[in-house]
Amino acid sequence: MITIKKNANNKYTFNLKAKSGNILLNSITFNDKVEATKTVNNLKSKNEKELIFERKTNFDGKFLFNLKNDKGQLIGSSKLYDSEAGLENGINNTKESILSIP
């Protein structure tokens, strides 16, 4: 499930949630709703091989991933995970959620 939200600065973001309701991905900030909606629609049209995940570790040793488009531009970032296994599970859940967007 994807929710597009307007923030206090009149900019837009979206969240991708798992079936359980947990947030898997927080998007970058978009200037308008049209841009955010276009990005969501582009995600809907992707197949699993077209999804680009960049795995990262922060300074505290926590794991996260960034989702990028085919031009290498950032779409959004995950929450922090305590382990690599948790990170990989998060990526798999994100793939599954994206591929099941109606």
Protein backbone atom coordinates (compact mmCIF):
# COMPACT_ATOMS: atom_id res chain seq x y z
CA MET A 1 0.00 0.00 0.00
CA ILE A 2 1.25 3.48 -0.88
CA THR A 3 0.16 6.67 0.84
CA ILE A 4 0.98 10.09 -0.61
CA LYS A 5 1.12 12.86 2.00
CA LYS A 6 1.42 16.64 1.91
CA ASN A 7 3.84 18.03 4.49
CA ALA A 8 3.94 21.39 6.29
CA ASN A 9 6.03 22.94 3.50
CA ASN A 10 3.41 22.08 0.84
CA LYS A 11 5.70 19.36 -0.54
CA TYR A 12 4.78 15.70 -1.01
CA THR A 13 6.19 12.35 0.06
CA PHE A 14 4.92 8.81 -0.07
CA ASN A 15 5.29 5.77 2.15
CA LEU A 16 5.26 2.18 0.99
CA LYS A 17 3.76 -0.10 3.60
CA ALA A 18 3.81 -3.86 4.04
CA LYS A 19 0.58 -5.83 4.43
CA SER A 20 1.20 -5.66 8.18
CA GLY A 21 1.11 -1.85 8.05
CA ASN A 22 4.83 -1.39 8.75
CA ILE A 23 6.53 1.29 6.67
CA LEU A 24 9.07 -0.25 4.33
CA LEU A 25 10.14 2.85 2.41
CA ASN A 26 9.95 6.62 2.87
CA SER A 27 10.24 8.56 -0.36
CA ILE A 28 12.24 11.65 -1.09
CA THR A 29 10.35 14.96 -1.05
CA PHE A 30 8.57 16.00 -4.24
CA ASN A 31 7.63 19.56 -5.19
CA ASP A 32 4.08 18.62 -6.15
CA LYS A 33 1.60 15.77 -6.01
CA VAL A 34 1.83 15.16 -9.77
CA GLU A 35 5.55 14.39 -9.47
CA ALA A 36 4.97 12.04 -6.50
CA THR A 37 2.10 10.28 -8.30
CA LYS A 38 4.20 9.89 -11.46
CA THR A 39 6.97 8.23 -9.43
CA VAL A 40 4.47 5.85 -7.79
CA ASN A 41 3.02 4.97 -11.19
CA ASN A 42 6.51 4.31 -12.54
CA LEU A 43 7.13 1.93 -9.63
CA LYS A 44 3.92 0.06 -10.47
CA SER A 45 5.18 -0.62 -13.99
CA LYS A 46 8.52 -2.11 -12.88
CA ASN A 47 9.36 -5.78 -12.74
CA GLU A 48 11.62 -7.24 -10.06
CA LYS A 49 14.78 -6.99 -12.19
CA GLU A 50 14.20 -3.26 -12.77
CA LEU A 51 14.15 -2.39 -9.07
CA ILE A 52 17.52 -1.00 -7.97
CA PHE A 53 18.39 -1.40 -4.30
CA GLU A 54 21.52 0.17 -2.84
CA ARG A 55 22.56 -1.49 0.42
CA LYS A 56 24.25 0.76 2.98
CA THR A 57 25.55 0.78 6.54
CA ASN A 58 25.41 3.90 8.71
CA PHE A 59 28.03 5.07 11.22
CA ASP A 60 26.33 3.16 14.05
CA GLY A 61 26.57 -0.15 12.18
CA LYS A 62 22.87 -0.24 11.28
CA PHE A 63 21.78 -1.35 7.82
CA LEU A 64 19.48 0.43 5.36
CA PHE A 65 18.71 0.49 1.68
CA ASN A 66 17.96 3.13 -0.89
CA LEU A 67 15.63 2.51 -3.80
CA LYS A 68 16.79 4.21 -6.99
CA ASN A 69 15.29 4.64 -10.43
CA ASP A 70 16.93 3.42 -13.63
CA LYS A 71 18.83 6.74 -13.91
CA GLY A 72 20.38 6.23 -10.47
CA GLN A 73 18.24 8.91 -8.81
CA LEU A 74 17.07 8.29 -5.26
CA ILE A 75 13.37 7.44 -4.84
CA GLY A 76 13.36 6.60 -1.15
CA SER A 77 15.07 5.01 1.83
CA SER A 78 14.24 2.26 4.27
CA LYS A 79 14.17 2.23 8.02
CA LEU A 80 17.28 1.09 9.89
CA TYR A 81 17.84 -2.63 10.40
CA ASP A 82 19.97 -4.28 13.09
CA SER A 83 21.28 -7.05 10.83
CA GLU A 84 22.03 -7.82 7.20
CA ALA A 85 19.43 -10.58 7.31
CA GLY A 86 16.83 -8.04 8.43
CA LEU A 87 17.92 -5.72 5.63
CA GLU A 88 17.54 -8.45 3.01
CA ASN A 89 14.14 -9.36 4.41
CA GLY A 90 13.15 -5.68 4.17
CA ILE A 91 14.27 -5.56 0.54
CA ASN A 92 12.30 -8.72 -0.27
CA ASN A 93 9.20 -7.33 1.45
CA THR A 94 9.61 -4.06 -0.45
CA LYS A 95 9.89 -5.89 -3.77
CA GLU A 96 6.81 -7.92 -2.95
CA SER A 97 4.85 -4.81 -1.96
CA ILE A 98 5.86 -2.90 -5.09
CA LEU A 99 5.01 -5.79 -7.37
CA SER A 100 1.57 -6.15 -5.74
CA ILE A 101 0.56 -2.49 -6.15
CA PRO A 102 -2.71 -2.48 -8.08
